[in-house]
N, C-alpha and C. Protein backbone atom coordinates (compact mmCIF):
# COMPACT_ATOMS: atom_id res chain seq x y z
N MET A 1 -17.51 -2.85 21.07
CA MET A 1 -18.13 -1.55 21.34
C MET A 1 -17.40 -0.43 20.64
N LYS A 2 -16.08 -0.42 20.73
CA LYS A 2 -15.34 0.74 20.26
C LYS A 2 -15.52 1.04 18.77
N PRO A 3 -15.39 0.02 17.88
CA PRO A 3 -15.58 0.36 16.46
C PRO A 3 -16.97 0.92 16.17
N SER A 4 -18.02 0.36 16.78
CA SER A 4 -19.37 0.84 16.53
C SER A 4 -19.55 2.25 17.06
N LEU A 5 -19.08 2.52 18.26
CA LEU A 5 -19.18 3.86 18.82
C LEU A 5 -18.35 4.84 18.01
N SER A 6 -17.17 4.43 17.60
CA SER A 6 -16.31 5.28 16.80
C SER A 6 -16.98 5.65 15.47
N THR A 7 -17.62 4.67 14.83
CA THR A 7 -18.30 4.94 13.57
C THR A 7 -19.45 5.92 13.77
N LEU A 8 -20.20 5.76 14.86
CA LEU A 8 -21.29 6.68 15.16
C LEU A 8 -20.76 8.09 15.39
N LEU A 9 -19.63 8.20 16.06
CA LEU A 9 -19.00 9.51 16.27
C LEU A 9 -18.56 10.11 14.94
N SER A 10 -18.08 9.27 14.03
CA SER A 10 -17.67 9.75 12.71
C SER A 10 -18.87 10.31 11.93
N ILE A 11 -20.00 9.62 12.01
CA ILE A 11 -21.21 10.11 11.35
C ILE A 11 -21.58 11.48 11.91
N ASN A 12 -21.55 11.60 13.23
CA ASN A 12 -21.90 12.87 13.86
C ASN A 12 -20.88 13.96 13.51
N GLY A 13 -19.60 13.59 13.45
CA GLY A 13 -18.57 14.56 13.09
C GLY A 13 -18.78 15.11 11.69
N GLY A 14 -19.04 14.24 10.73
CA GLY A 14 -19.29 14.69 9.37
C GLY A 14 -20.55 15.51 9.26
N TYR A 15 -21.57 15.11 10.02
CA TYR A 15 -22.85 15.81 9.98
C TYR A 15 -22.70 17.23 10.53
N VAL A 16 -22.12 17.35 11.72
CA VAL A 16 -21.98 18.67 12.36
C VAL A 16 -21.09 19.58 11.53
N ASP A 17 -20.03 19.04 10.96
CA ASP A 17 -19.12 19.86 10.15
C ASP A 17 -19.84 20.41 8.93
N THR A 18 -20.62 19.56 8.26
CA THR A 18 -21.32 20.00 7.05
C THR A 18 -22.46 20.96 7.37
N ALA A 19 -23.26 20.63 8.38
CA ALA A 19 -24.37 21.50 8.75
C ALA A 19 -23.86 22.86 9.19
N GLY A 20 -22.79 22.87 9.97
CA GLY A 20 -22.21 24.14 10.41
C GLY A 20 -21.67 24.94 9.24
N PHE A 21 -21.01 24.28 8.31
CA PHE A 21 -20.46 24.96 7.14
C PHE A 21 -21.56 25.62 6.33
N LEU A 22 -22.66 24.90 6.14
CA LEU A 22 -23.76 25.42 5.33
C LEU A 22 -24.52 26.53 6.03
N ALA A 23 -24.72 26.40 7.33
CA ALA A 23 -25.56 27.36 8.04
C ALA A 23 -24.79 28.57 8.55
N LEU A 24 -23.47 28.42 8.74
CA LEU A 24 -22.70 29.46 9.43
C LEU A 24 -21.64 30.08 8.52
N HIS A 25 -21.97 30.25 7.27
CA HIS A 25 -21.12 31.00 6.33
C HIS A 25 -19.71 30.40 6.21
N GLY A 26 -19.66 29.08 6.01
CA GLY A 26 -18.39 28.43 5.75
C GLY A 26 -17.54 28.16 6.98
N LEU A 27 -18.16 28.05 8.15
CA LEU A 27 -17.42 27.75 9.37
C LEU A 27 -17.30 26.24 9.55
N PHE A 28 -16.06 25.75 9.66
CA PHE A 28 -15.84 24.34 9.98
C PHE A 28 -15.93 24.18 11.50
N THR A 29 -16.88 23.38 11.95
CA THR A 29 -17.07 23.21 13.39
C THR A 29 -16.41 21.96 13.95
N ALA A 30 -15.98 21.05 13.10
CA ALA A 30 -15.28 19.84 13.55
C ALA A 30 -13.81 19.87 13.12
N HIS A 31 -13.58 20.04 11.82
CA HIS A 31 -12.22 20.12 11.28
C HIS A 31 -11.78 21.59 11.33
N VAL A 32 -11.49 22.08 12.55
CA VAL A 32 -11.35 23.52 12.76
C VAL A 32 -10.17 24.14 12.02
N THR A 33 -9.11 23.37 11.75
CA THR A 33 -7.97 23.96 11.05
C THR A 33 -8.33 24.34 9.61
N GLY A 34 -9.41 23.76 9.08
CA GLY A 34 -9.88 24.16 7.76
C GLY A 34 -10.32 25.60 7.71
N ASN A 35 -10.57 26.20 8.88
CA ASN A 35 -10.99 27.60 8.91
C ASN A 35 -9.88 28.56 8.52
N PHE A 36 -8.62 28.11 8.54
CA PHE A 36 -7.54 28.95 8.03
C PHE A 36 -7.77 29.24 6.55
N VAL A 37 -8.21 28.22 5.82
CA VAL A 37 -8.46 28.38 4.39
C VAL A 37 -9.68 29.26 4.16
N THR A 38 -10.77 28.95 4.85
CA THR A 38 -11.99 29.72 4.64
C THR A 38 -11.85 31.15 5.16
N LEU A 39 -11.00 31.36 6.16
CA LEU A 39 -10.75 32.73 6.62
C LEU A 39 -10.07 33.53 5.53
N GLY A 40 -9.08 32.93 4.88
CA GLY A 40 -8.42 33.60 3.77
C GLY A 40 -9.39 33.94 2.65
N ALA A 41 -10.29 32.99 2.34
CA ALA A 41 -11.28 33.24 1.30
C ALA A 41 -12.25 34.35 1.72
N THR A 42 -12.63 34.35 3.01
CA THR A 42 -13.54 35.38 3.51
C THR A 42 -12.93 36.77 3.39
N LEU A 43 -11.66 36.88 3.77
CA LEU A 43 -10.98 38.18 3.71
C LEU A 43 -10.77 38.63 2.27
N ALA A 44 -10.44 37.67 1.41
CA ALA A 44 -10.19 38.02 0.01
C ALA A 44 -11.47 38.42 -0.73
N LEU A 45 -12.56 37.74 -0.42
CA LEU A 45 -13.82 37.97 -1.13
C LEU A 45 -14.71 38.99 -0.44
N GLY A 46 -14.37 39.36 0.80
CA GLY A 46 -15.17 40.34 1.52
C GLY A 46 -16.49 39.80 2.03
N THR A 47 -16.58 38.49 2.24
CA THR A 47 -17.81 37.90 2.77
C THR A 47 -17.78 37.89 4.30
N SER A 48 -18.90 37.50 4.92
CA SER A 48 -18.99 37.54 6.37
C SER A 48 -18.49 36.24 7.00
N GLY A 49 -18.27 36.28 8.32
CA GLY A 49 -17.87 35.09 9.05
C GLY A 49 -16.43 35.08 9.50
N ALA A 50 -15.69 36.18 9.29
CA ALA A 50 -14.27 36.20 9.63
C ALA A 50 -14.05 36.07 11.13
N VAL A 51 -14.88 36.71 11.93
CA VAL A 51 -14.70 36.68 13.39
C VAL A 51 -14.84 35.27 13.91
N ALA A 52 -15.87 34.56 13.47
CA ALA A 52 -16.08 33.19 13.92
C ALA A 52 -14.92 32.29 13.52
N LYS A 53 -14.39 32.50 12.32
CA LYS A 53 -13.28 31.67 11.86
C LYS A 53 -12.00 31.97 12.66
N LEU A 54 -11.83 33.22 13.07
CA LEU A 54 -10.68 33.57 13.92
C LEU A 54 -10.80 32.96 15.31
N LEU A 55 -12.01 32.88 15.81
CA LEU A 55 -12.24 32.35 17.15
C LEU A 55 -12.21 30.83 17.20
N ALA A 56 -12.44 30.18 16.07
CA ALA A 56 -12.65 28.73 16.05
C ALA A 56 -11.52 27.95 16.71
N LEU A 57 -10.29 28.18 16.28
CA LEU A 57 -9.17 27.39 16.81
C LEU A 57 -8.90 27.68 18.28
N PRO A 58 -8.85 28.96 18.73
CA PRO A 58 -8.65 29.20 20.16
C PRO A 58 -9.74 28.58 21.03
N VAL A 59 -11.00 28.68 20.61
CA VAL A 59 -12.08 28.07 21.38
C VAL A 59 -11.91 26.56 21.43
N PHE A 60 -11.60 25.96 20.29
CA PHE A 60 -11.37 24.51 20.24
C PHE A 60 -10.27 24.10 21.20
N CYS A 61 -9.15 24.83 21.18
CA CYS A 61 -8.01 24.48 22.03
C CYS A 61 -8.34 24.61 23.51
N VAL A 62 -9.04 25.68 23.88
CA VAL A 62 -9.41 25.88 25.28
C VAL A 62 -10.32 24.75 25.76
N VAL A 63 -11.29 24.38 24.93
CA VAL A 63 -12.22 23.31 25.33
C VAL A 63 -11.50 21.97 25.44
N VAL A 64 -10.54 21.70 24.55
CA VAL A 64 -9.77 20.46 24.65
C VAL A 64 -9.02 20.40 25.99
N VAL A 65 -8.39 21.50 26.37
CA VAL A 65 -7.67 21.55 27.65
C VAL A 65 -8.64 21.31 28.81
N LEU A 66 -9.78 21.99 28.79
CA LEU A 66 -10.76 21.84 29.86
C LEU A 66 -11.32 20.42 29.90
N ALA A 67 -11.56 19.83 28.73
CA ALA A 67 -12.08 18.47 28.67
C ALA A 67 -11.07 17.47 29.22
N ARG A 68 -9.80 17.71 28.91
CA ARG A 68 -8.75 16.83 29.44
C ARG A 68 -8.65 16.94 30.96
N LEU A 69 -8.72 18.16 31.48
CA LEU A 69 -8.67 18.35 32.93
C LEU A 69 -9.89 17.73 33.61
N LEU A 70 -11.05 17.92 33.02
CA LEU A 70 -12.27 17.33 33.58
C LEU A 70 -12.18 15.80 33.56
N GLY A 71 -11.71 15.25 32.44
CA GLY A 71 -11.59 13.80 32.34
C GLY A 71 -10.63 13.24 33.37
N GLY A 72 -9.51 13.93 33.58
CA GLY A 72 -8.56 13.47 34.59
C GLY A 72 -9.16 13.49 35.98
N ASP A 73 -9.92 14.51 36.29
CA ASP A 73 -10.56 14.60 37.61
C ASP A 73 -11.60 13.50 37.78
N LEU A 74 -12.38 13.25 36.74
CA LEU A 74 -13.39 12.19 36.81
C LEU A 74 -12.74 10.82 37.00
N SER A 75 -11.63 10.60 36.30
CA SER A 75 -10.93 9.32 36.43
C SER A 75 -10.39 9.11 37.84
N ARG A 76 -9.85 10.18 38.43
CA ARG A 76 -9.33 10.06 39.80
C ARG A 76 -10.44 9.75 40.79
N ARG A 77 -11.66 10.17 40.47
CA ARG A 77 -12.80 9.90 41.35
C ARG A 77 -13.46 8.56 41.02
N ASN A 78 -12.88 7.82 40.05
CA ASN A 78 -13.43 6.54 39.61
C ASN A 78 -14.87 6.66 39.09
N LEU A 79 -15.14 7.75 38.40
CA LEU A 79 -16.44 7.98 37.79
C LEU A 79 -16.41 7.56 36.32
N PRO A 80 -17.56 7.29 35.71
CA PRO A 80 -17.61 6.87 34.29
C PRO A 80 -17.24 8.03 33.36
N THR A 81 -15.96 8.21 33.14
CA THR A 81 -15.45 9.39 32.46
C THR A 81 -16.02 9.56 31.06
N LEU A 82 -15.94 8.52 30.24
CA LEU A 82 -16.38 8.66 28.85
C LEU A 82 -17.87 8.96 28.78
N GLN A 83 -18.66 8.30 29.59
CA GLN A 83 -20.10 8.53 29.57
C GLN A 83 -20.43 9.97 29.98
N ILE A 84 -19.72 10.50 30.95
CA ILE A 84 -19.99 11.85 31.42
C ILE A 84 -19.61 12.88 30.36
N VAL A 85 -18.44 12.72 29.74
CA VAL A 85 -18.03 13.71 28.74
C VAL A 85 -18.89 13.62 27.48
N LEU A 86 -19.34 12.41 27.13
CA LEU A 86 -20.26 12.29 26.00
C LEU A 86 -21.60 12.94 26.32
N THR A 87 -22.01 12.86 27.57
CA THR A 87 -23.25 13.52 27.98
C THR A 87 -23.10 15.04 27.91
N LEU A 88 -21.94 15.54 28.30
CA LEU A 88 -21.68 16.98 28.18
C LEU A 88 -21.75 17.41 26.73
N LYS A 89 -21.18 16.61 25.83
CA LYS A 89 -21.27 16.92 24.40
C LYS A 89 -22.73 16.93 23.93
N PHE A 90 -23.51 15.98 24.42
CA PHE A 90 -24.93 15.91 24.07
C PHE A 90 -25.65 17.21 24.44
N PHE A 91 -25.41 17.70 25.65
CA PHE A 91 -26.09 18.93 26.08
C PHE A 91 -25.64 20.14 25.26
N LEU A 92 -24.38 20.17 24.87
CA LEU A 92 -23.91 21.26 24.02
C LEU A 92 -24.58 21.21 22.65
N LEU A 93 -24.77 20.02 22.11
CA LEU A 93 -25.45 19.89 20.82
C LEU A 93 -26.92 20.27 20.92
N VAL A 94 -27.55 19.94 22.05
CA VAL A 94 -28.93 20.38 22.28
C VAL A 94 -29.00 21.90 22.30
N LEU A 95 -28.04 22.51 23.01
CA LEU A 95 -28.00 23.97 23.10
C LEU A 95 -27.77 24.60 21.73
N ALA A 96 -26.87 24.01 20.95
CA ALA A 96 -26.60 24.53 19.61
C ALA A 96 -27.83 24.41 18.72
N ALA A 97 -28.57 23.31 18.83
CA ALA A 97 -29.79 23.15 18.04
C ALA A 97 -30.81 24.22 18.42
N PHE A 98 -30.90 24.51 19.71
CA PHE A 98 -31.82 25.56 20.15
C PHE A 98 -31.42 26.91 19.56
N PHE A 99 -30.13 27.24 19.63
CA PHE A 99 -29.65 28.50 19.08
C PHE A 99 -29.93 28.59 17.58
N ALA A 100 -29.64 27.49 16.86
CA ALA A 100 -29.81 27.50 15.41
C ALA A 100 -31.27 27.71 15.03
N MET A 101 -32.17 27.05 15.72
CA MET A 101 -33.58 27.17 15.39
C MET A 101 -34.19 28.48 15.90
N ARG A 102 -33.62 29.00 16.99
CA ARG A 102 -34.14 30.25 17.55
C ARG A 102 -33.66 31.46 16.75
N PHE A 103 -32.38 31.46 16.34
CA PHE A 103 -31.79 32.64 15.71
C PHE A 103 -31.57 32.50 14.21
N GLY A 104 -31.52 31.28 13.70
CA GLY A 104 -31.26 31.09 12.29
C GLY A 104 -32.50 31.25 11.44
N PRO A 105 -32.36 31.30 10.11
CA PRO A 105 -31.11 31.33 9.34
C PRO A 105 -30.28 32.59 9.63
N PHE A 106 -28.98 32.44 9.46
CA PHE A 106 -28.06 33.51 9.84
C PHE A 106 -27.67 34.33 8.61
N ALA A 107 -28.20 35.53 8.53
CA ALA A 107 -27.88 36.40 7.41
C ALA A 107 -26.46 36.93 7.50
N ASP A 108 -25.95 37.08 8.71
CA ASP A 108 -24.61 37.64 8.93
C ASP A 108 -23.78 36.64 9.74
N GLY A 109 -22.71 36.14 9.14
CA GLY A 109 -21.85 35.19 9.84
C GLY A 109 -21.08 35.81 10.99
N ASP A 110 -21.01 37.14 11.05
CA ASP A 110 -20.31 37.82 12.14
C ASP A 110 -21.26 38.31 13.23
N GLY A 111 -22.56 38.04 13.09
CA GLY A 111 -23.50 38.40 14.13
C GLY A 111 -23.29 37.54 15.37
N TRP A 112 -23.62 38.10 16.53
CA TRP A 112 -23.36 37.35 17.76
C TRP A 112 -24.14 36.04 17.81
N GLN A 113 -25.31 36.01 17.17
CA GLN A 113 -26.10 34.79 17.19
C GLN A 113 -25.38 33.65 16.45
N ALA A 114 -24.83 33.97 15.29
CA ALA A 114 -24.10 32.97 14.51
C ALA A 114 -22.83 32.56 15.23
N ILE A 115 -22.15 33.51 15.84
CA ILE A 115 -20.90 33.20 16.54
C ILE A 115 -21.16 32.30 17.74
N VAL A 116 -22.18 32.61 18.54
CA VAL A 116 -22.50 31.79 19.70
C VAL A 116 -22.88 30.38 19.27
N THR A 117 -23.69 30.26 18.23
CA THR A 117 -24.08 28.94 17.73
C THR A 117 -22.85 28.16 17.25
N GLY A 118 -22.00 28.83 16.49
CA GLY A 118 -20.80 28.16 15.96
C GLY A 118 -19.85 27.73 17.06
N MET A 119 -19.62 28.58 18.05
CA MET A 119 -18.69 28.23 19.12
C MET A 119 -19.24 27.09 19.99
N THR A 120 -20.56 27.03 20.13
CA THR A 120 -21.16 25.93 20.88
C THR A 120 -20.94 24.60 20.15
N LEU A 121 -21.12 24.62 18.83
CA LEU A 121 -20.86 23.42 18.03
C LEU A 121 -19.38 23.03 18.08
N ILE A 122 -18.51 24.02 18.02
CA ILE A 122 -17.07 23.74 18.08
C ILE A 122 -16.71 23.13 19.43
N ALA A 123 -17.29 23.65 20.51
CA ALA A 123 -17.03 23.10 21.84
C ALA A 123 -17.47 21.64 21.91
N ALA A 124 -18.62 21.33 21.33
CA ALA A 124 -19.10 19.95 21.33
C ALA A 124 -18.15 19.04 20.57
N MET A 125 -17.67 19.50 19.41
CA MET A 125 -16.77 18.68 18.63
C MET A 125 -15.38 18.58 19.27
N ALA A 126 -14.97 19.62 20.00
CA ALA A 126 -13.71 19.54 20.73
C ALA A 126 -13.77 18.46 21.80
N ILE A 127 -14.92 18.38 22.48
CA ILE A 127 -15.10 17.33 23.49
C ILE A 127 -15.10 15.96 22.83
N GLN A 128 -15.78 15.82 21.70
CA GLN A 128 -15.78 14.54 21.00
C GLN A 128 -14.37 14.14 20.59
N THR A 129 -13.62 15.08 20.03
CA THR A 129 -12.26 14.78 19.57
C THR A 129 -11.36 14.36 20.74
N THR A 130 -11.49 15.07 21.87
CA THR A 130 -10.69 14.75 23.05
C THR A 130 -11.06 13.39 23.61
N ALA A 131 -12.36 13.13 23.72
CA ALA A 131 -12.82 11.85 24.25
C ALA A 131 -12.36 10.70 23.37
N HIS A 132 -12.44 10.91 22.06
CA HIS A 132 -12.00 9.86 21.15
C HIS A 132 -10.50 9.59 21.29
N ARG A 133 -9.73 10.66 21.35
CA ARG A 133 -8.27 10.49 21.41
C ARG A 133 -7.86 9.75 22.69
N ILE A 134 -8.54 10.03 23.80
CA ILE A 134 -8.16 9.44 25.08
C ILE A 134 -8.75 8.04 25.27
N HIS A 135 -10.01 7.87 24.91
CA HIS A 135 -10.71 6.62 25.25
C HIS A 135 -10.86 5.66 24.07
N LEU A 136 -10.77 6.14 22.85
CA LEU A 136 -10.95 5.29 21.68
C LEU A 136 -9.76 5.44 20.73
N GLY A 137 -8.58 5.60 21.32
CA GLY A 137 -7.39 5.92 20.53
C GLY A 137 -6.99 4.86 19.53
N SER A 138 -7.46 3.63 19.70
CA SER A 138 -7.09 2.58 18.75
C SER A 138 -7.94 2.61 17.48
N THR A 139 -8.95 3.48 17.46
CA THR A 139 -9.81 3.60 16.28
C THR A 139 -9.47 4.87 15.51
N PRO A 140 -9.84 4.94 14.22
CA PRO A 140 -9.50 6.12 13.41
C PRO A 140 -10.17 7.39 13.93
N PRO A 141 -9.59 8.54 13.62
CA PRO A 141 -10.20 9.83 14.03
C PRO A 141 -11.63 9.95 13.51
N THR A 142 -12.43 10.76 14.20
CA THR A 142 -13.84 10.90 13.85
C THR A 142 -14.21 12.27 13.30
N THR A 143 -13.26 13.21 13.28
CA THR A 143 -13.59 14.56 12.82
C THR A 143 -12.71 15.04 11.68
N MET A 144 -11.71 14.29 11.29
CA MET A 144 -10.89 14.65 10.13
C MET A 144 -10.44 13.38 9.45
N MET A 145 -10.52 13.37 8.12
CA MET A 145 -10.35 12.13 7.37
C MET A 145 -9.13 12.11 6.45
N THR A 146 -8.35 13.18 6.39
CA THR A 146 -7.23 13.23 5.45
C THR A 146 -6.20 12.15 5.76
N GLY A 147 -5.77 12.07 7.02
CA GLY A 147 -4.78 11.06 7.39
C GLY A 147 -5.31 9.65 7.23
N THR A 148 -6.57 9.46 7.58
CA THR A 148 -7.18 8.13 7.44
C THR A 148 -7.27 7.72 5.98
N THR A 149 -7.68 8.64 5.12
CA THR A 149 -7.78 8.33 3.70
C THR A 149 -6.40 8.02 3.11
N THR A 150 -5.38 8.76 3.55
CA THR A 150 -4.02 8.49 3.09
C THR A 150 -3.58 7.08 3.46
N GLN A 151 -3.86 6.69 4.71
CA GLN A 151 -3.48 5.35 5.16
C GLN A 151 -4.23 4.28 4.40
N ILE A 152 -5.51 4.53 4.09
CA ILE A 152 -6.27 3.57 3.30
C ILE A 152 -5.62 3.35 1.94
N MET A 153 -5.21 4.42 1.29
CA MET A 153 -4.57 4.30 -0.02
C MET A 153 -3.22 3.57 0.08
N ILE A 154 -2.48 3.84 1.15
CA ILE A 154 -1.20 3.14 1.36
C ILE A 154 -1.43 1.65 1.54
N ASP A 155 -2.45 1.31 2.35
CA ASP A 155 -2.75 -0.10 2.59
C ASP A 155 -3.21 -0.79 1.32
N ILE A 156 -4.02 -0.11 0.50
CA ILE A 156 -4.46 -0.70 -0.77
C ILE A 156 -3.26 -0.95 -1.67
N ALA A 157 -2.34 0.02 -1.71
CA ALA A 157 -1.14 -0.15 -2.54
C ALA A 157 -0.31 -1.34 -2.06
N ASP A 158 -0.19 -1.49 -0.73
CA ASP A 158 0.57 -2.62 -0.18
C ASP A 158 -0.07 -3.95 -0.52
N LEU A 159 -1.40 -4.01 -0.49
CA LEU A 159 -2.09 -5.24 -0.86
C LEU A 159 -1.93 -5.55 -2.34
N LEU A 160 -1.95 -4.51 -3.16
CA LEU A 160 -1.81 -4.71 -4.60
C LEU A 160 -0.43 -5.22 -4.98
N ARG A 161 0.60 -4.79 -4.25
CA ARG A 161 1.96 -5.24 -4.59
C ARG A 161 2.28 -6.60 -3.99
N GLY A 162 1.38 -7.11 -3.12
CA GLY A 162 1.56 -8.44 -2.57
C GLY A 162 2.17 -8.44 -1.19
N ALA A 163 1.35 -8.21 -0.19
CA ALA A 163 1.83 -8.19 1.19
C ALA A 163 2.03 -9.63 1.69
N LYS A 164 2.89 -9.78 2.69
CA LYS A 164 3.11 -11.09 3.31
C LYS A 164 1.83 -11.53 4.01
N PRO A 165 1.59 -12.83 4.14
CA PRO A 165 0.33 -13.32 4.74
C PRO A 165 0.05 -12.72 6.11
N GLU A 166 1.09 -12.63 6.97
CA GLU A 166 0.86 -12.09 8.32
C GLU A 166 0.56 -10.59 8.27
N GLU A 167 1.13 -9.89 7.28
CA GLU A 167 0.86 -8.47 7.12
C GLU A 167 -0.50 -8.23 6.48
N LYS A 168 -0.92 -9.14 5.60
CA LYS A 168 -2.17 -8.97 4.88
C LYS A 168 -3.37 -8.96 5.83
N ALA A 169 -3.36 -9.83 6.83
CA ALA A 169 -4.48 -9.89 7.77
C ALA A 169 -4.60 -8.60 8.56
N ALA A 170 -3.46 -8.08 9.04
CA ALA A 170 -3.49 -6.84 9.82
C ALA A 170 -3.89 -5.66 8.95
N THR A 171 -3.40 -5.63 7.71
CA THR A 171 -3.74 -4.55 6.79
C THR A 171 -5.22 -4.56 6.44
N THR A 172 -5.76 -5.75 6.21
CA THR A 172 -7.18 -5.87 5.87
C THR A 172 -8.06 -5.42 7.03
N ALA A 173 -7.69 -5.82 8.24
CA ALA A 173 -8.46 -5.41 9.42
C ALA A 173 -8.42 -3.89 9.60
N ARG A 174 -7.23 -3.30 9.37
CA ARG A 174 -7.11 -1.85 9.49
C ARG A 174 -7.95 -1.15 8.41
N LEU A 175 -7.97 -1.71 7.23
CA LEU A 175 -8.78 -1.13 6.15
C LEU A 175 -10.27 -1.13 6.50
N ARG A 176 -10.73 -2.19 7.14
CA ARG A 176 -12.14 -2.24 7.54
C ARG A 176 -12.46 -1.13 8.53
N ARG A 177 -11.60 -0.97 9.54
CA ARG A 177 -11.84 0.06 10.55
C ARG A 177 -11.81 1.46 9.94
N MET A 178 -10.82 1.71 9.11
CA MET A 178 -10.68 3.03 8.52
C MET A 178 -11.76 3.29 7.48
N GLY A 179 -12.13 2.26 6.75
CA GLY A 179 -13.20 2.42 5.78
C GLY A 179 -14.53 2.76 6.45
N ALA A 180 -14.77 2.16 7.63
CA ALA A 180 -15.99 2.47 8.38
C ALA A 180 -15.97 3.92 8.85
N ALA A 181 -14.80 4.41 9.25
CA ALA A 181 -14.70 5.80 9.71
C ALA A 181 -14.97 6.78 8.58
N VAL A 182 -14.31 6.56 7.45
CA VAL A 182 -14.51 7.47 6.30
C VAL A 182 -15.92 7.36 5.76
N GLY A 183 -16.44 6.13 5.68
CA GLY A 183 -17.81 5.95 5.20
C GLY A 183 -18.82 6.61 6.12
N GLY A 184 -18.60 6.47 7.43
CA GLY A 184 -19.50 7.11 8.40
C GLY A 184 -19.46 8.62 8.28
N PHE A 185 -18.27 9.18 8.16
CA PHE A 185 -18.12 10.63 8.04
C PHE A 185 -18.82 11.12 6.77
N ALA A 186 -18.61 10.41 5.65
CA ALA A 186 -19.24 10.79 4.38
C ALA A 186 -20.76 10.69 4.48
N LEU A 187 -21.25 9.66 5.16
CA LEU A 187 -22.69 9.52 5.35
C LEU A 187 -23.25 10.71 6.14
N GLY A 188 -22.52 11.10 7.19
CA GLY A 188 -22.95 12.25 7.98
C GLY A 188 -22.99 13.52 7.14
N CYS A 189 -22.00 13.70 6.29
CA CYS A 189 -21.98 14.88 5.40
C CYS A 189 -23.18 14.88 4.47
N ALA A 190 -23.46 13.73 3.87
CA ALA A 190 -24.59 13.63 2.93
C ALA A 190 -25.92 13.88 3.64
N LEU A 191 -26.08 13.30 4.83
CA LEU A 191 -27.31 13.50 5.59
C LEU A 191 -27.52 14.98 5.93
N ALA A 192 -26.43 15.63 6.38
CA ALA A 192 -26.54 17.04 6.76
C ALA A 192 -26.92 17.90 5.57
N ALA A 193 -26.27 17.69 4.44
CA ALA A 193 -26.58 18.49 3.26
C ALA A 193 -28.02 18.30 2.82
N THR A 194 -28.47 17.04 2.85
CA THR A 194 -29.84 16.75 2.42
C THR A 194 -30.87 17.39 3.36
N LEU A 195 -30.67 17.19 4.66
CA LEU A 195 -31.63 17.73 5.63
C LEU A 195 -31.59 19.26 5.70
N PHE A 196 -30.41 19.83 5.48
CA PHE A 196 -30.33 21.29 5.46
C PHE A 196 -31.19 21.85 4.33
N LEU A 197 -31.14 21.20 3.18
CA LEU A 197 -31.95 21.65 2.04
C LEU A 197 -33.44 21.43 2.30
N LEU A 198 -33.77 20.35 3.01
CA LEU A 198 -35.19 20.00 3.21
C LEU A 198 -35.83 20.75 4.37
N VAL A 199 -35.09 20.89 5.49
CA VAL A 199 -35.72 21.43 6.71
C VAL A 199 -34.99 22.62 7.29
N GLY A 200 -33.90 23.07 6.66
CA GLY A 200 -33.19 24.24 7.15
C GLY A 200 -32.58 24.04 8.53
N MET A 201 -32.79 24.98 9.44
CA MET A 201 -32.16 24.95 10.75
C MET A 201 -32.58 23.75 11.60
N ALA A 202 -33.70 23.15 11.27
CA ALA A 202 -34.15 21.97 12.02
C ALA A 202 -33.20 20.79 11.82
N CYS A 203 -32.31 20.88 10.84
CA CYS A 203 -31.34 19.79 10.64
C CYS A 203 -30.43 19.62 11.85
N PHE A 204 -30.31 20.66 12.68
CA PHE A 204 -29.44 20.57 13.86
C PHE A 204 -30.06 19.74 14.98
N LEU A 205 -31.27 19.26 14.79
CA LEU A 205 -31.89 18.38 15.79
C LEU A 205 -31.30 16.97 15.76
N LEU A 206 -30.72 16.57 14.63
CA LEU A 206 -30.21 15.20 14.53
C LEU A 206 -28.93 14.95 15.33
N PRO A 207 -27.95 15.87 15.36
CA PRO A 207 -26.73 15.59 16.13
C PRO A 207 -26.97 15.21 17.59
N PRO A 208 -27.87 15.89 18.34
CA PRO A 208 -28.12 15.43 19.71
C PRO A 208 -28.68 14.01 19.77
N VAL A 209 -29.49 13.64 18.78
CA VAL A 209 -30.03 12.29 18.74
C VAL A 209 -28.91 11.27 18.55
N LEU A 210 -28.00 11.56 17.62
CA LEU A 210 -26.86 10.68 17.41
C LEU A 210 -25.97 10.62 18.64
N ALA A 211 -25.79 11.77 19.31
CA ALA A 211 -24.98 11.80 20.53
C ALA A 211 -25.62 10.95 21.62
N LEU A 212 -26.94 11.04 21.76
CA LEU A 212 -27.64 10.24 22.76
C LEU A 212 -27.52 8.75 22.44
N ALA A 213 -27.60 8.41 21.16
CA ALA A 213 -27.43 7.01 20.76
C ALA A 213 -26.04 6.50 21.15
N GLY A 214 -25.02 7.36 21.01
CA GLY A 214 -23.68 6.98 21.41
C GLY A 214 -23.57 6.74 22.91
N ILE A 215 -24.22 7.60 23.70
CA ILE A 215 -24.21 7.44 25.16
C ILE A 215 -24.86 6.12 25.54
N LEU A 216 -26.02 5.83 24.95
CA LEU A 216 -26.73 4.59 25.27
C LEU A 216 -25.93 3.37 24.81
N MET A 217 -25.27 3.48 23.66
CA MET A 217 -24.45 2.38 23.17
C MET A 217 -23.30 2.09 24.13
N HIS A 218 -22.65 3.16 24.59
CA HIS A 218 -21.53 2.97 25.53
C HIS A 218 -22.03 2.43 26.86
N ALA A 219 -23.15 2.95 27.36
CA ALA A 219 -23.68 2.49 28.64
C ALA A 219 -24.08 1.02 28.55
N GLY A 220 -24.70 0.63 27.43
CA GLY A 220 -25.08 -0.76 27.27
C GLY A 220 -23.90 -1.69 27.21
N SER A 221 -22.84 -1.27 26.52
CA SER A 221 -21.64 -2.09 26.44
C SER A 221 -20.95 -2.20 27.78
N SER A 222 -20.94 -1.10 28.54
CA SER A 222 -20.29 -1.11 29.84
C SER A 222 -21.03 -1.98 30.84
N ALA A 223 -22.33 -2.12 30.65
CA ALA A 223 -23.14 -2.90 31.58
C ALA A 223 -23.05 -4.39 31.34
N LYS A 224 -22.53 -4.79 30.17
CA LYS A 224 -22.43 -6.21 29.86
C LYS A 224 -21.41 -6.88 30.77
N PRO A 225 -21.69 -8.10 31.20
CA PRO A 225 -20.71 -8.81 32.05
C PRO A 225 -19.48 -9.18 31.26
N ALA A 226 -18.36 -9.19 31.92
CA ALA A 226 -17.09 -9.52 31.25
C ALA A 226 -17.07 -10.98 30.87
């Protein structure tokens, strides 16, 4: 279950990040630390979206803390923690799609409509990142690929120089998992860019669908007998 769910989350992470970047004047909604770079570019070039980029990291951090506290409370109550937090992410993505289609396209990245839409997407991705870190920690990250790509290159180099047989099996297995994560993220990026060009703000309808698929996938796996 975990690798498949993790890959689906990676697709959604890449999709939301790309769609948000294109629709919200260069706002990274998943890889939020990238907004430090785009904020500098915004200030230097005099373009819009500086307020949203300033808010991105604080909003992300607050939601991560709240998601962690909520998850801990759900666990103490013996409730299906991962399913509940994924459902919360689903509703946030539905809300963001509504905002995007109701208020977009966004002529001004600093308008309240663009900021509310962006922060809703960031909150959804903060929940995904937190849920992944806590419940799917053995799988590669789903919202940032730099570290994963670096490890892939290291593993390829180790295989090329001739790894020991016992190391080769573990390295190959890790490469498959990480390759699925990067491939899924790249697929999400490509889908978002294509649909943004074809249907505009309606492209934000796909992330809730992917989120719902993840919930059903997890629920189905949890229901299987041991």
